[in-house]
Amino acid sequence: MITGEKPNIHCTVVFEEDEWKVLYAYVNKDPIPPDKAPTLIEAVNKVTGPGGFLGRKSDGHPGTKTLYRGFTRLMDITPNYKIVMNMLAPYLPNSPPVFSNR
């Protein structure tokens, strides 16, 4: 898997900018994303949570079903996040709009 071969690769190889920002906001409960994108392995690990992976010591690695569920959930959340951020962006400090075309 690419996350094992190149652990420091940015998640923008797989995720669009909106997607990793939504993922960050959803998992961390913080609407303001960091300045730079997380690594791919960090983003994949964050996707597994909404997919149902608990991450207990004895759970092992998440499977494809968990990743699928996490990505599906992310695809459901992303449009709503864009709408809300476009409405709130002027009121949040240091937060540009998620997308500019309405």
Protein backbone atom coordinates (compact mmCIF):
# COMPACT_ATOMS: atom_id res chain seq x y z
CA MET A 1 0.00 0.00 0.00
CA ILE A 2 1.20 3.51 -0.74
CA THR A 3 0.98 4.60 2.91
CA GLY A 4 3.60 2.04 3.88
CA GLU A 5 5.93 2.73 0.96
CA LYS A 6 5.94 6.53 1.26
CA PRO A 7 4.73 7.47 4.74
CA ASN A 8 5.39 11.22 4.39
CA ILE A 9 3.46 11.76 1.15
CA HIS A 10 0.74 14.43 1.41
CA CYS A 11 -2.88 13.30 1.47
CA THR A 12 -3.63 15.54 -1.53
CA VAL A 13 -2.55 12.62 -3.71
CA VAL A 14 -5.82 10.87 -2.81
CA PHE A 15 -8.00 13.54 -1.17
CA GLU A 16 -9.17 16.80 -2.69
CA GLU A 17 -8.55 19.90 -0.61
CA ASP A 18 -12.19 20.12 0.48
CA GLU A 19 -12.21 16.47 1.51
CA TRP A 20 -9.23 16.57 3.84
CA LYS A 21 -10.49 19.80 5.39
CA VAL A 22 -13.90 18.24 6.00
CA LEU A 23 -12.25 15.17 7.45
CA TYR A 24 -10.14 17.30 9.78
CA ALA A 25 -13.18 19.33 10.88
CA TYR A 26 -15.32 16.25 11.45
CA VAL A 27 -12.77 14.22 13.39
CA ASN A 28 -11.25 17.07 15.42
CA LYS A 29 -14.51 19.02 15.92
CA ASP A 30 -12.71 22.16 14.67
CA PRO A 31 -13.94 24.03 11.57
CA ILE A 32 -10.60 25.77 10.96
CA PRO A 33 -8.19 23.41 9.16
CA PRO A 34 -4.42 23.44 9.63
CA ASP A 35 -2.22 25.41 7.23
CA LYS A 36 -0.83 22.33 5.51
CA ALA A 37 -2.39 19.03 4.55
CA PRO A 38 -1.73 15.98 6.74
CA THR A 39 0.21 13.01 5.47
CA LEU A 40 -1.66 10.30 3.61
CA ILE A 41 -1.34 7.81 6.46
CA GLU A 42 -2.75 10.36 8.95
CA ALA A 43 -5.72 11.07 6.66
CA VAL A 44 -6.42 7.38 6.04
CA ASN A 45 -6.31 6.74 9.79
CA LYS A 46 -8.81 9.57 10.32
CA VAL A 47 -11.16 8.14 7.66
CA THR A 48 -11.39 4.83 9.46
CA GLY A 49 -13.07 6.41 12.53
CA PRO A 50 -16.23 7.50 10.71
CA GLY A 51 -16.11 4.11 9.00
CA GLY A 52 -16.60 2.38 12.34
CA PHE A 53 -13.03 1.47 13.27
CA LEU A 54 -12.51 1.79 17.01
CA GLY A 55 -8.72 1.54 16.98
CA ARG A 56 -8.38 -0.59 20.07
CA LYS A 57 -5.07 -2.24 20.79
CA SER A 58 -6.27 -5.69 19.72
CA ASP A 59 -8.23 -4.57 16.62
CA GLY A 60 -5.41 -4.85 14.09
CA HIS A 61 -5.57 -2.80 10.91
CA PRO A 62 -8.81 -1.48 9.40
CA GLY A 63 -10.10 -3.40 6.42
CA THR A 64 -11.47 -2.34 3.07
CA LYS A 65 -15.05 -2.38 4.34
CA THR A 66 -14.17 0.12 7.07
CA LEU A 67 -12.31 2.34 4.60
CA TYR A 68 -15.25 2.18 2.20
CA ARG A 69 -17.68 3.19 4.94
CA GLY A 70 -15.41 6.03 6.03
CA PHE A 71 -14.99 7.36 2.49
CA THR A 72 -18.74 7.07 1.88
CA ARG A 73 -19.45 9.02 5.03
CA LEU A 74 -16.89 11.63 3.98
CA MET A 75 -18.58 11.99 0.59
CA ASP A 76 -21.91 12.54 2.38
CA ILE A 77 -20.52 15.19 4.73
CA THR A 78 -18.43 17.21 2.24
CA PRO A 79 -21.26 19.06 0.40
CA ASN A 80 -22.86 20.09 3.70
CA TYR A 81 -19.55 21.35 5.03
CA LYS A 82 -19.08 23.47 1.91
CA ILE A 83 -22.49 25.08 2.36
CA VAL A 84 -21.96 25.82 6.04
CA MET A 85 -18.44 27.16 5.54
CA ASN A 86 -19.61 29.50 2.79
CA MET A 87 -22.20 30.91 5.15
CA LEU A 88 -19.87 31.17 8.18
CA ALA A 89 -16.49 31.89 6.59
CA PRO A 90 -16.75 35.67 6.93
CA TYR A 91 -17.28 35.24 10.67
CA LEU A 92 -14.47 32.76 11.36
CA PRO A 93 -10.97 34.13 11.98
CA ASN A 94 -8.36 33.29 9.32
CA SER A 95 -10.72 31.07 7.38
CA PRO A 96 -11.16 31.61 3.65
CA PRO A 97 -14.24 30.19 1.94
CA VAL A 98 -14.00 26.52 1.05
CA PHE A 99 -14.94 27.20 -2.57
CA SER A 100 -15.63 30.39 -4.45
CA ASN A 101 -18.13 29.49 -7.18
CA ARG A 102 -21.71 29.46 -6.00
